Protein backbone atom coordinates (compact mmCIF):
# COMPACT_ATOMS: atom_id res chain seq x y z
CA MET A 1 -0.58 -0.33 0.17
CA LEU A 2 1.76 3.62 -0.84
CA LYS A 3 2.11 5.84 1.67
CA ARG A 4 0.59 9.09 1.97
CA THR A 5 2.22 12.67 3.10
CA PRO A 6 -0.20 14.98 6.03
CA PHE A 7 -1.26 16.56 2.87
CA TYR A 8 -3.11 13.94 0.74
CA ALA A 9 -6.56 15.21 1.30
CA CYS A 10 -5.26 18.23 0.11
CA HIS A 11 -4.21 16.63 -2.98
CA ARG A 12 -7.36 15.43 -3.81
CA ALA A 13 -9.65 18.41 -2.76
CA LEU A 14 -7.21 20.23 -4.84
CA ASN A 15 -8.29 17.55 -8.12
CA ALA A 16 -4.85 17.00 -7.83
CA ARG A 17 -3.13 13.84 -10.55
CA LEU A 18 -2.13 11.28 -7.32
CA VAL A 19 0.86 8.46 -8.54
CA GLU A 20 3.22 6.32 -6.47
CA PHE A 21 6.72 7.94 -5.79
CA GLY A 22 9.05 5.88 -4.43
CA GLY A 23 6.64 4.02 -2.48
CA TRP A 24 4.39 7.16 -1.69
CA GLU A 25 1.30 8.51 -3.52
CA MET A 26 2.31 11.79 -4.31
CA PRO A 27 0.83 14.76 -6.97
CA VAL A 28 2.20 15.22 -10.21
CA GLN A 29 0.42 18.11 -11.30
CA TYR A 30 -2.87 20.35 -10.22
CA SER A 31 -3.14 22.71 -13.11
CA SER A 32 -0.34 21.39 -15.40
CA ILE A 33 3.39 21.27 -15.01
CA LEU A 34 3.71 24.33 -17.51
CA ASN A 35 1.68 26.65 -15.42
CA GLU A 36 3.03 24.98 -12.17
CA HIS A 37 7.01 25.58 -13.04
CA ALA A 38 6.26 29.03 -14.85
CA ALA A 39 4.72 30.14 -11.33
CA VAL A 40 7.97 28.97 -9.32
CA ARG A 41 9.94 31.07 -11.85
CA ASN A 42 7.97 34.05 -11.78
CA GLN A 43 6.40 34.38 -8.44
CA ALA A 44 5.73 31.43 -6.25
CA GLY A 45 5.02 27.88 -5.97
CA LEU A 46 3.64 25.52 -2.89
CA PHE A 47 5.16 22.13 -2.80
CA ASP A 48 4.34 18.86 0.00
CA ILE A 49 7.62 17.11 0.22
CA SER A 50 6.75 15.62 3.31
CA HIS A 51 7.71 12.29 1.44
CA MET A 52 11.62 13.16 2.47
CA GLY A 53 12.79 11.78 5.71
CA ARG A 54 13.88 13.90 8.89
CA TYR A 55 16.37 13.04 11.86
CA LEU A 56 17.77 14.43 14.29
CA VAL A 57 21.09 13.97 15.01
CA LYS A 58 21.83 14.13 18.83
CA GLY A 59 24.50 13.27 21.12
CA SER A 60 28.38 14.37 22.82
CA GLU A 61 29.63 13.01 18.98
CA ALA A 62 27.23 13.97 16.83
CA LEU A 63 29.55 16.09 14.93
CA ALA A 64 32.12 12.97 14.79
CA PHE A 65 29.98 10.93 13.65
CA LEU A 66 27.97 13.30 10.83
CA GLN A 67 31.97 13.94 9.91
CA TYR A 68 32.62 10.27 9.55
CA VAL A 69 29.22 9.64 7.50
CA ALA A 70 29.02 12.83 5.41
CA THR A 71 31.52 13.76 2.18
CA CYS A 72 31.05 17.71 3.39
CA ASP A 73 32.90 19.25 6.45
CA VAL A 74 30.64 19.31 9.00
CA ALA A 75 32.34 21.33 12.06
CA PRO A 76 32.38 24.99 10.08
CA ILE A 77 28.20 24.46 10.28
CA ALA A 78 27.66 26.83 12.34
CA GLU A 79 24.00 26.89 14.60
CA GLY A 80 21.51 27.98 12.11
CA GLN A 81 23.69 26.91 9.47
CA ALA A 82 23.27 24.36 6.38
CA SER A 83 25.37 22.64 3.60
CA TYR A 84 24.88 19.72 1.13
CA GLY A 85 26.62 16.71 1.18
CA LEU A 86 26.27 13.06 0.42
CA LEU A 87 27.02 9.71 2.23
CA CYS A 88 28.50 7.54 0.30
CA HIS A 89 29.66 3.20 0.50
CA PRO A 90 33.29 2.58 0.86
CA ASN A 91 33.88 1.86 -3.20
CA GLY A 92 32.59 6.15 -3.55
CA GLY A 93 29.31 5.07 -4.61
CA ILE A 94 26.65 7.54 -3.63
CA VAL A 95 24.58 6.36 -1.25
CA ASP A 96 21.98 9.09 -1.14
CA ASP A 97 22.22 13.05 -1.00
CA ILE A 98 21.53 15.04 2.00
CA PHE A 99 20.88 18.15 3.26
CA ILE A 100 22.59 19.20 7.31
CA TYR A 101 20.73 21.12 9.47
CA ARG A 102 22.73 22.91 12.96
CA LEU A 103 20.23 23.21 15.15
CA PRO A 104 20.50 24.26 18.66
CA GLU A 105 20.67 20.65 20.24
CA ALA A 106 21.36 18.34 17.38
CA TYR A 107 21.71 18.25 13.41
CA LEU A 108 19.06 17.85 11.36
CA VAL A 109 19.46 15.80 8.47
CA VAL A 110 17.00 15.36 5.49
CA VAL A 111 16.78 12.71 2.97
CA ASN A 112 15.22 11.88 -0.23
CA ALA A 113 11.58 10.04 0.22
CA ALA A 114 12.57 7.07 -2.05
CA ASN A 115 15.70 6.38 0.66
CA ARG A 116 14.21 6.52 3.90
CA GLN A 117 14.55 3.36 5.21
CA LYS A 118 17.63 2.86 3.26
CA ASP A 119 19.01 6.40 4.88
CA TRP A 120 18.17 4.84 8.18
CA ASP A 121 19.32 1.78 7.84
CA TRP A 122 22.68 2.87 6.67
CA LEU A 123 23.02 5.58 9.22
CA GLN A 124 21.96 3.25 12.55
CA LYS A 125 24.61 0.49 11.26
CA GLN A 126 27.43 3.28 11.62
CA THR A 127 26.25 4.71 14.86
CA SER A 128 27.97 1.88 16.58
CA ASN A 129 31.64 3.89 17.48
CA PHE A 130 29.93 6.81 18.17
CA ASN A 131 28.17 8.26 21.44
CA VAL A 132 25.00 9.89 19.23
CA THR A 133 21.36 8.82 18.83
CA LEU A 134 19.17 9.46 15.93
CA GLU A 135 15.81 10.41 16.21
CA ASP A 136 13.17 9.83 13.32
CA TRP A 137 11.44 12.98 13.05
CA SER A 138 9.52 12.49 9.49
CA GLU A 139 6.29 11.86 10.83
CA LYS A 140 6.24 14.41 13.75
CA TRP A 141 7.39 17.36 11.47
CA ALA A 142 5.18 18.10 8.44
CA MET A 143 7.63 19.28 5.23
CA LEU A 144 6.44 22.39 2.54
CA ALA A 145 8.73 24.48 0.39
CA LEU A 146 7.70 27.76 -0.86
CA GLN A 147 9.79 28.53 -4.01
CA GLY A 148 9.94 31.14 -5.81
CA PRO A 149 10.86 35.21 -5.77
CA MET A 150 7.75 36.27 -4.57
CA ALA A 151 8.31 33.94 -1.61
CA GLU A 152 10.24 36.51 0.81
CA LYS A 153 7.58 38.84 0.41
CA LEU A 154 4.88 36.35 0.67
CA LEU A 155 6.13 34.98 4.35
CA ALA A 156 7.22 37.84 5.60
CA GLU A 157 4.08 39.62 5.10
CA ALA A 158 2.17 36.71 6.76
CA GLY A 159 4.29 36.72 9.73
CA ASN A 160 5.94 40.45 10.22
CA ILE A 161 8.68 38.63 10.71
CA PRO A 162 12.37 39.71 9.17
CA LEU A 163 12.97 36.98 6.16
CA ALA A 164 15.54 39.37 4.44
CA ASN A 165 17.80 39.00 7.05
CA LEU A 166 17.83 35.30 6.65
CA PRO A 167 20.37 34.29 4.60
CA PHE A 168 20.64 31.82 1.93
CA HIS A 169 21.10 28.05 3.58
CA GLU A 170 20.36 29.43 6.71
CA ILE A 171 17.17 27.80 9.49
CA ALA A 172 15.63 29.78 11.98
CA GLU A 173 12.14 29.50 14.01
CA TYR A 174 9.32 32.17 13.48
CA GLN A 175 6.01 32.63 14.33
CA LEU A 176 4.12 31.77 11.36
CA PHE A 177 0.39 31.84 11.41
CA GLY A 178 0.76 31.99 15.25
CA LEU A 179 2.49 28.35 15.35
CA PRO A 180 6.35 27.77 15.77
CA MET A 181 8.34 26.52 13.11
CA LEU A 182 11.62 26.32 11.57
CA LEU A 183 12.18 28.58 8.45
CA ALA A 184 15.48 27.09 6.04
CA ARG A 185 16.64 29.36 2.89
CA SER A 186 16.77 26.09 0.92
CA GLY A 187 15.37 24.67 -2.00
CA TYR A 188 16.03 22.52 -5.33
CA THR A 189 14.34 24.95 -8.01
CA GLY A 190 16.75 27.12 -8.74
CA GLU A 191 14.49 30.07 -7.12
CA ASP A 192 14.93 31.85 -3.97
CA GLY A 193 12.68 30.14 -1.40
CA PHE A 194 11.95 28.33 1.92
CA GLU A 195 11.15 24.95 3.24
CA LEU A 196 8.77 24.64 6.32
CA PHE A 197 9.28 22.26 9.18
CA PHE A 198 6.32 22.19 11.67
CA ALA A 199 4.15 19.80 14.15
CA THR A 200 2.32 17.22 11.51
CA ALA A 201 -0.74 18.08 13.29
CA GLU A 202 -1.00 21.74 11.80
CA ALA A 203 -0.44 20.27 8.54
CA LEU A 204 -4.14 21.23 6.73
CA PRO A 205 -3.69 25.23 8.23
CA VAL A 206 -1.01 26.33 7.24
CA TRP A 207 -1.42 24.54 3.65
CA GLU A 208 -4.57 26.61 3.21
CA ALA A 209 -2.89 29.78 5.27
CA LEU A 210 -0.03 29.78 2.19
CA LEU A 211 -2.17 29.16 -0.25
CA ALA A 212 -3.91 32.17 0.61
CA LEU A 213 -0.95 34.39 0.73
CA GLY A 214 -1.04 37.76 -1.36
CA ALA A 215 -3.52 39.00 -4.13
CA PRO A 216 -5.67 35.76 -5.00
CA GLY A 217 -3.60 33.12 -7.19
CA SER A 218 -0.12 34.55 -5.69
CA VAL A 219 1.01 31.11 -4.73
CA LEU A 220 0.06 28.04 -6.80
CA PRO A 221 0.15 24.87 -5.32
CA CYS A 222 2.70 22.69 -7.30
CA GLY A 223 3.46 18.82 -8.36
CA LEU A 224 6.44 16.30 -8.94
CA GLY A 225 6.15 17.21 -12.67
CA ALA A 226 7.34 21.03 -11.94
CA ARG A 227 9.31 20.11 -9.46
CA ASP A 228 11.08 17.99 -11.76
CA SER A 229 11.86 20.07 -14.59
CA LEU A 230 12.64 23.30 -11.97
CA ARG A 231 15.81 21.13 -10.59
CA PHE A 232 16.84 20.60 -14.44
CA GLU A 233 16.99 23.44 -15.71
CA PRO A 234 19.60 24.70 -13.15
CA CYS A 235 21.15 21.00 -13.28
CA LEU A 236 20.51 19.87 -10.00
CA SER A 237 20.53 15.98 -9.44
CA LEU A 238 17.97 13.81 -7.92
CA TYR A 239 18.53 10.21 -6.78
CA GLY A 240 17.90 7.91 -8.81
CA HIS A 241 18.64 9.70 -12.02
CA GLU A 242 22.15 11.62 -12.01
CA ILE A 243 23.43 9.71 -8.47
CA THR A 244 23.15 6.67 -7.68
CA ASP A 245 24.88 3.52 -5.54
CA ASP A 246 26.83 3.10 -9.02
CA ILE A 247 28.01 6.58 -9.13
CA ASN A 248 30.04 8.33 -7.41
CA PRO A 249 30.81 12.07 -6.84
CA TYR A 250 33.37 13.15 -9.63
CA GLU A 251 30.98 11.79 -11.98
CA ALA A 252 28.07 13.53 -11.19
CA ARG A 253 29.88 16.76 -10.92
CA LEU A 254 29.40 17.39 -7.06
CA GLY A 255 33.19 16.76 -6.40
CA TRP A 256 32.55 20.29 -4.78
CA ALA A 257 30.94 18.46 -1.99
CA VAL A 258 33.31 15.70 -0.89
CA LYS A 259 35.94 17.26 1.63
CA LEU A 260 39.08 14.84 1.48
CA ALA A 261 41.47 17.43 3.46
CA LYS A 262 38.92 17.05 6.35
CA GLY A 263 39.58 13.62 7.87
CA ASP A 264 38.32 10.05 7.62
CA PHE A 265 35.16 8.95 6.33
CA ILE A 266 33.11 6.85 4.40
CA GLY A 267 34.73 6.49 0.82
CA ARG A 268 37.14 8.59 1.33
CA LYS A 269 39.72 6.51 0.67
CA ALA A 270 38.26 5.20 -2.73
CA LEU A 271 37.44 8.63 -3.39
CA GLU A 272 41.01 9.43 -3.36
CA GLN A 273 41.54 6.86 -5.91
CA ILE A 274 39.20 7.95 -8.24
CA LYS A 275 40.41 11.27 -8.77
CA ALA A 276 44.20 10.42 -8.68
CA LYS A 277 43.89 8.11 -11.08
CA GLY A 278 41.09 10.34 -12.96
CA LEU A 279 37.31 9.40 -14.49
CA THR A 280 36.36 7.62 -17.48
CA ARG A 281 33.10 8.75 -17.78
CA ARG A 282 31.43 12.12 -16.85
CA LEU A 283 27.99 13.49 -16.73
CA VAL A 284 27.39 16.03 -19.47
CA GLY A 285 24.37 18.34 -20.52
CA PHE A 286 23.21 17.97 -23.94
CA GLU A 287 20.70 20.01 -26.06
CA MET A 288 18.78 18.42 -29.26
CA VAL A 289 20.14 19.06 -32.57
CA GLY A 290 18.10 17.00 -34.53
CA ARG A 291 13.79 16.59 -33.46
CA GLY A 292 13.13 14.70 -30.69
CA ILE A 293 13.12 14.79 -26.81
CA ALA A 294 15.47 12.66 -24.88
CA ARG A 295 14.19 10.62 -22.12
CA GLY A 296 15.74 9.20 -19.21
CA ASP A 297 17.00 5.93 -19.99
CA TYR A 298 17.60 6.34 -23.54
CA PRO A 299 20.87 5.42 -24.97
CA ILE A 300 23.37 7.43 -25.71
CA GLN A 301 25.68 6.14 -29.14
CA SER A 302 28.52 7.68 -30.32
CA LEU A 303 28.30 8.81 -34.08
CA GLU A 304 29.73 5.54 -35.28
CA GLY A 305 26.38 3.11 -33.85
CA GLN A 306 27.93 2.08 -30.36
CA GLN A 307 26.68 2.63 -27.64
CA ILE A 308 28.41 4.80 -25.60
CA GLY A 309 26.33 5.89 -22.08
CA THR A 310 22.74 6.61 -21.14
CA VAL A 311 20.47 9.72 -20.58
CA THR A 312 19.52 10.31 -17.03
CA THR A 313 17.09 13.09 -17.41
CA GLY A 314 15.65 14.67 -20.53
CA MET A 315 12.29 17.07 -21.44
CA PRO A 316 12.20 20.16 -23.28
CA SER A 317 12.67 23.21 -21.08
CA PRO A 318 9.91 24.93 -20.32
CA THR A 319 12.02 28.14 -19.43
CA LEU A 320 14.72 28.25 -22.26
CA ALA A 321 12.61 25.84 -24.88
CA LYS A 322 14.58 23.62 -25.88
CA ALA A 323 15.09 20.50 -25.73
CA LEU A 324 17.73 19.66 -23.19
CA GLY A 325 19.31 16.46 -20.94
CA LEU A 326 21.77 14.90 -18.95
CA GLY A 327 23.78 11.83 -19.06
CA TYR A 328 26.60 9.69 -19.03
CA VAL A 329 29.57 9.76 -21.64
CA PRO A 330 33.03 8.80 -21.96
CA THR A 331 35.41 11.34 -20.99
CA ALA A 332 36.58 12.01 -24.55
CA TYR A 333 32.56 13.37 -25.41
CA THR A 334 32.24 15.83 -22.52
CA SER A 335 34.28 18.71 -24.65
CA LEU A 336 31.39 21.74 -25.47
CA GLY A 337 30.49 21.11 -28.40
CA SER A 338 30.81 17.03 -28.70
CA GLU A 339 28.65 15.31 -30.63
CA PHE A 340 25.97 12.21 -29.90
CA ASP A 341 23.16 10.05 -31.07
CA ILE A 342 20.61 9.92 -28.54
CA LEU A 343 18.66 7.16 -29.71
CA ILE A 344 14.88 7.62 -29.51
CA ARG A 345 12.34 4.88 -31.03
CA GLN A 346 15.17 2.93 -32.61
CA LYS A 347 16.03 6.00 -34.68
CA PRO A 348 19.40 8.25 -33.83
CA VAL A 349 18.88 11.71 -33.23
CA ARG A 350 21.81 13.93 -32.90
CA ALA A 351 22.82 16.22 -29.35
CA LYS A 352 25.40 18.35 -29.17
CA VAL A 353 27.36 18.96 -25.22
CA ILE A 354 26.90 22.26 -23.96
CA SER A 355 27.86 24.10 -20.87
CA THR A 356 26.15 23.83 -17.53
CA PRO A 357 23.89 24.65 -15.40
CA PHE A 358 21.26 25.37 -18.13
CA TYR A 359 19.79 28.01 -15.78
CA LYS A 360 21.80 30.30 -13.42
CA PRO A 361 20.10 29.38 -10.11
CA ARG A 362 18.69 32.46 -8.74
CA TYR A 363 19.39 32.04 -5.22
CA LYS A 364 19.54 34.72 -2.50
CA LYS A 365 23.33 35.10 -1.60
CA GLY A 366 22.99 38.17 -0.06
C-alpha cells in the first residue's frame, strides 16, 4: 500500500493527479506542469515535500558521527546554518544526497523520500562507535517548500518576520500563522525560497494559509512534474537519475561536496583514488540538434552507432524552450560542442554537449 503525507486530503480536494513516487502517493500536477513551473519562476509555488526523511542527530559525538558518514565538512556549519552533502559507500558510490542543518540542540538531516528507510538503516549501522542518538522526526514534522521570487515577501508579510535577514542555506525559528516553525532558506528549484518544518498536526491549516498568501493566485500548488523540470534546468541532481549507488561524486560533478582534507570518512580512500586516477565517464548537459526529445534511460550512441552512455533526465525546458538532457558519456565526449546521438524509438537523433547549468539559479546569497 502506498504511503501518504499529511497533505493527502489537500491534494484530493484540489483534484491533483496522483502518482506513485518512491512508495508514496504524490501529486504530479494540479493544473499543468507548465503553469506550475512558470509560477515558481515568476511568483511562488507551494510543494508538499513531507515524503522526505527528517532525522535528528544528537549526542556528544554528533559532529564526529556526521563527519564520518558525510562527504562535506560538517565542522564549519554554525548554529542556524546548513550544508549540502553526500553519503557514500566505501567504494565511493553514492548512498544518497542530503542536507544537514545545525539546530541549537541537534543536527537535522534531510534525506530523499525514496531512500528514507535505506538511509535510516545505513545511518543506524554506522552509530556503533559513536556516542550519538538518531531520532526519526519524519512523521512528527510536516515539511513544505514555498519557492519563487515572491516567496520572501509573502512569508515576511504573513508573519511580520525579517526574512530578508535570513541568508541562503540558513535556518531559524519563527512564529508564522500563530505557530512556531523552522524556516530554512533552501530548496531545489533554482529559485529563492524556503522550506518549512512544523508539527504534523498543523498540516492542513498551514497548507491553506500558504495558498491564501498575497493576492488571489499569488501562490500555486505544484506537483512532482514541475519539481522535476525546475530542478532539471539548473542541473540539480536527482537520486535514481543523476546519482545512484553506482555513480561517484566526481562523475556526477559533485566533487565540490567532497572535502578530502577534513579527515577520515566513509568512502574517502576510494574517492582519493578515483580523483588521482581520473574519470572514464562524466555527467554532461546536452541540447538536441535533431528533432526529438531525450528521455531518461534512452541510450546515447557514438556517431558510429556504438552505445557509449545513457540519458539520466531529458525534457523540453519550459523556461528556455529547448529540448535538453543530462547523461553519462565517456570523458572523450564531454568537451563543449562534442556530438553524439540519442536513440529515440530506435532512431538516432543528433545532440551536442553544452555548458551547464542550463538555467542560472537565482538564490539570494547576499
